[in-house]
Every structure is written in C-alpha cells, then in structure tokens.
Amino acid sequence: MFNLFHKKAKAYSDLSAEEFYQGMKQKNAVVIDVRTAGEFHGGKLAGARNLDMMSPDFKKQVQNLPKDKAYYLYCRSGNRSGHACATMAGLGFENVYNLAGGIVSWPY
C-alpha cells in the first residue's frame, strides 16, 4: 500500500575523481563550484565558475544556463553539489555530474 522506504532514483551521476577529471576535459563540459565565494577564492579547480548553492538566487542562476552542456559540480565534500545536481536535474538538465567525495577527494 504505502512504500515508505522507496527512494526516488537520482537523475544525476556521482563520479569518482578520475571520471570527473576525464569528463571535465570534454568540449561541452562546464565545471561549477557550488561552494561559497570565500571557499571558491581559497582554491578551485581550473576553469570552474562559482555558483553558490546556498545563495537565495541559485535556482534562478541555474535556470539561465544552456541545457545542452554537461555540468560537473563539486563542493567540499560532495553533499552540497549533490543537492545542486538534484536541483538542476529537477529543472530539466540531463547531463549533470557530482564529484563524489568533493574537492577533498581531488588528487590532481
């Protein structure tokens, strides 16, 4: 009758650091750091742009992005970027990837 333990399937993919690194080198890849501006300025991945997940206008900023790109999102631990990926997937983005373990797991 009620399936209280049913989890909705994720509409994005968690990637290992190696998979993320290979993907972000693709021609249509956009790398997004969803940490705060302070965290972003303290160190970021090459080519990343900053869209703070905790910002009140995050969803509005994301809605303006082209949907034909592949988006590679990361934060410190992978938690905020996972939520950001879910938000983007909910807005109709089909190619959204989360760095599992966040930037703390980044060996490059």
C-alpha atoms as a PDB file:
ATOM      1  CA  MET A   1       0.000   0.000   0.000  1.00  0.00           C
ATOM      2  CA  PHE A   2       2.469   2.667   1.151  1.00  0.00           C
ATOM      3  CA  ASN A   3       6.103   2.285   0.307  1.00  0.00           C
ATOM      4  CA  LEU A   4       7.724   4.430   2.972  1.00  0.00           C
ATOM      5  CA  PHE A   5      11.193   3.175   2.185  1.00  0.00           C
ATOM      6  CA  HIS A   6      11.108   3.782  -1.554  1.00  0.00           C
ATOM      7  CA  LYS A   7      13.820   6.184  -2.634  1.00  0.00           C
ATOM      8  CA  LYS A   8      13.429   8.158  -5.818  1.00  0.00           C
ATOM      9  CA  ALA A   9      16.146   7.349  -8.347  1.00  0.00           C
ATOM     10  CA  LYS A  10      18.770  10.043  -8.745  1.00  0.00           C
ATOM     11  CA  ALA A  11      18.616  11.965 -12.003  1.00  0.00           C
ATOM     12  CA  TYR A  12      22.341  12.727 -11.929  1.00  0.00           C
ATOM     13  CA  SER A  13      25.533  10.698 -11.598  1.00  0.00           C
ATOM     14  CA  ASP A  14      28.110  10.606  -8.818  1.00  0.00           C
ATOM     15  CA  LEU A  15      31.566  10.303 -10.343  1.00  0.00           C
ATOM     16  CA  SER A  16      34.928   9.310  -8.913  1.00  0.00           C
ATOM     17  CA  ALA A  17      37.683  11.922  -9.116  1.00  0.00           C
ATOM     18  CA  GLU A  18      39.139  10.163 -12.181  1.00  0.00           C
ATOM     19  CA  GLU A  19      35.781  10.035 -14.001  1.00  0.00           C
ATOM     20  CA  PHE A  20      35.099  13.678 -13.094  1.00  0.00           C
ATOM     21  CA  TYR A  21      38.570  14.734 -14.289  1.00  0.00           C
ATOM     22  CA  GLN A  22      38.107  12.976 -17.635  1.00  0.00           C
ATOM     23  CA  GLY A  23      34.605  14.386 -18.087  1.00  0.00           C
ATOM     24  CA  MET A  24      35.502  17.970 -17.297  1.00  0.00           C
ATOM     25  CA  LYS A  25      38.023  17.914 -20.167  1.00  0.00           C
ATOM     26  CA  GLN A  26      35.254  17.284 -22.729  1.00  0.00           C
ATOM     27  CA  LYS A  27      34.346  20.032 -25.193  1.00  0.00           C
ATOM     28  CA  ASN A  28      30.829  20.682 -23.848  1.00  0.00           C
ATOM     29  CA  ALA A  29      31.768  20.449 -20.137  1.00  0.00           C
ATOM     30  CA  VAL A  30      31.027  23.245 -17.673  1.00  0.00           C
ATOM     31  CA  VAL A  31      32.633  22.964 -14.230  1.00  0.00           C
ATOM     32  CA  ILE A  32      30.691  24.584 -11.393  1.00  0.00           C
ATOM     33  CA  ASP A  33      31.913  25.082  -7.839  1.00  0.00           C
ATOM     34  CA  VAL A  34      28.831  25.369  -5.608  1.00  0.00           C
ATOM     35  CA  ARG A  35      30.741  26.484  -2.501  1.00  0.00           C
ATOM     36  CA  THR A  36      30.642  29.994  -1.056  1.00  0.00           C
ATOM     37  CA  ALA A  37      32.667  32.787  -2.684  1.00  0.00           C
ATOM     38  CA  GLY A  38      35.136  32.627   0.216  1.00  0.00           C
ATOM     39  CA  GLU A  39      35.695  28.903  -0.253  1.00  0.00           C
ATOM     40  CA  PHE A  40      35.956  29.383  -4.024  1.00  0.00           C
ATOM     41  CA  HIS A  41      38.634  32.084  -3.682  1.00  0.00           C
ATOM     42  CA  GLY A  42      40.560  29.846  -1.291  1.00  0.00           C
ATOM     43  CA  GLY A  43      41.186  27.355  -4.112  1.00  0.00           C
ATOM     44  CA  LYS A  44      39.244  25.970  -7.049  1.00  0.00           C
ATOM     45  CA  LEU A  45      39.511  23.557  -9.942  1.00  0.00           C
ATOM     46  CA  ALA A  46      40.905  25.042 -13.153  1.00  0.00           C
ATOM     47  CA  GLY A  47      38.199  26.619 -15.294  1.00  0.00           C
ATOM     48  CA  ALA A  48      35.475  26.379 -12.621  1.00  0.00           C
ATOM     49  CA  ARG A  49      32.845  29.052 -12.214  1.00  0.00           C
ATOM     50  CA  ASN A  50      31.261  29.786  -8.860  1.00  0.00           C
ATOM     51  CA  LEU A  51      27.508  29.460  -8.271  1.00  0.00           C
ATOM     52  CA  ASP A  52      26.950  29.350  -4.504  1.00  0.00           C
ATOM     53  CA  MET A  53      24.412  26.620  -3.728  1.00  0.00           C
ATOM     54  CA  MET A  54      23.394  28.418  -0.532  1.00  0.00           C
ATOM     55  CA  SER A  55      22.658  31.676  -2.359  1.00  0.00           C
ATOM     56  CA  PRO A  56      18.944  32.599  -2.456  1.00  0.00           C
ATOM     57  CA  ASP A  57      19.159  33.096  -6.230  1.00  0.00           C
ATOM     58  CA  PHE A  58      20.977  29.829  -7.019  1.00  0.00           C
ATOM     59  CA  LYS A  59      17.960  28.298  -8.757  1.00  0.00           C
ATOM     60  CA  LYS A  60      17.435  31.453 -10.825  1.00  0.00           C
ATOM     61  CA  GLN A  61      21.083  31.469 -11.918  1.00  0.00           C
ATOM     62  CA  VAL A  62      20.930  27.806 -12.891  1.00  0.00           C
ATOM     63  CA  GLN A  63      17.736  28.248 -14.926  1.00  0.00           C
ATOM     64  CA  ASN A  64      19.636  30.612 -17.236  1.00  0.00           C
ATOM     65  CA  LEU A  65      22.256  28.013 -18.159  1.00  0.00           C
ATOM     66  CA  PRO A  66      22.033  26.230 -21.534  1.00  0.00           C
ATOM     67  CA  LYS A  67      20.669  22.705 -21.200  1.00  0.00           C
ATOM     68  CA  ASP A  68      22.812  21.260 -23.996  1.00  0.00           C
ATOM     69  CA  LYS A  69      26.008  21.254 -21.902  1.00  0.00           C
ATOM     70  CA  ALA A  70      27.377  18.688 -19.463  1.00  0.00           C
ATOM     71  CA  TYR A  71      27.649  20.109 -15.943  1.00  0.00           C
ATOM     72  CA  TYR A  72      30.287  18.906 -13.488  1.00  0.00           C
ATOM     73  CA  LEU A  73      29.528  20.157  -9.972  1.00  0.00           C
ATOM     74  CA  TYR A  74      31.628  19.982  -6.851  1.00  0.00           C
ATOM     75  CA  CYS A  75      31.822  21.336  -3.323  1.00  0.00           C
ATOM     76  CA  ARG A  76      33.989  20.473  -0.322  1.00  0.00           C
ATOM     77  CA  SER A  77      32.528  17.037   0.470  1.00  0.00           C
ATOM     78  CA  GLY A  78      30.040  16.240  -2.327  1.00  0.00           C
ATOM     79  CA  ASN A  79      26.933  16.949  -0.235  1.00  0.00           C
ATOM     80  CA  ARG A  80      26.023  20.459  -1.435  1.00  0.00           C
ATOM     81  CA  SER A  81      26.946  19.603  -5.000  1.00  0.00           C
ATOM     82  CA  GLY A  82      24.701  16.536  -4.800  1.00  0.00           C
ATOM     83  CA  HIS A  83      21.794  18.758  -3.776  1.00  0.00           C
ATOM     84  CA  ALA A  84      22.686  21.210  -6.539  1.00  0.00           C
ATOM     85  CA  CYS A  85      22.753  18.348  -9.076  1.00  0.00           C
ATOM     86  CA  ALA A  86      19.300  17.247  -7.924  1.00  0.00           C
ATOM     87  CA  THR A  87      18.030  20.822  -8.309  1.00  0.00           C
ATOM     88  CA  MET A  88      19.420  21.049 -11.837  1.00  0.00           C
ATOM     89  CA  ALA A  89      18.007  17.647 -12.788  1.00  0.00           C
ATOM     90  CA  GLY A  90      14.631  18.802 -11.477  1.00  0.00           C
ATOM     91  CA  LEU A  91      14.868  21.792 -13.806  1.00  0.00           C
ATOM     92  CA  GLY A  92      15.333  19.534 -16.830  1.00  0.00           C
ATOM     93  CA  PHE A  93      19.126  19.299 -17.094  1.00  0.00           C
ATOM     94  CA  GLU A  94      20.040  15.829 -18.353  1.00  0.00           C
ATOM     95  CA  ASN A  95      23.841  15.784 -18.122  1.00  0.00           C
ATOM     96  CA  VAL A  96      24.659  16.617 -14.515  1.00  0.00           C
ATOM     97  CA  TYR A  97      27.556  15.050 -12.611  1.00  0.00           C
ATOM     98  CA  ASN A  98      28.622  15.269  -8.980  1.00  0.00           C
ATOM     99  CA  LEU A  99      32.183  14.844  -7.726  1.00  0.00           C
ATOM    100  CA  ALA A 100      31.724  12.062  -5.140  1.00  0.00           C
ATOM    101  CA  GLY A 101      33.705  12.960  -2.038  1.00  0.00           C
ATOM    102  CA  GLY A 102      34.049  16.587  -3.111  1.00  0.00           C
ATOM    103  CA  ILE A 103      37.227  18.562  -3.611  1.00  0.00           C
ATOM    104  CA  VAL A 104      38.781  16.955  -0.539  1.00  0.00           C
ATOM    105  CA  SER A 105      38.999  13.750  -2.595  1.00  0.00           C
ATOM    106  CA  TRP A 106      40.635  15.545  -5.571  1.00  0.00           C
ATOM    107  CA  PRO A 107      44.123  14.086  -6.220  1.00  0.00           C
ATOM    108  CA  TYR A 108      45.024  16.341  -9.148  1.00  0.00           C
END
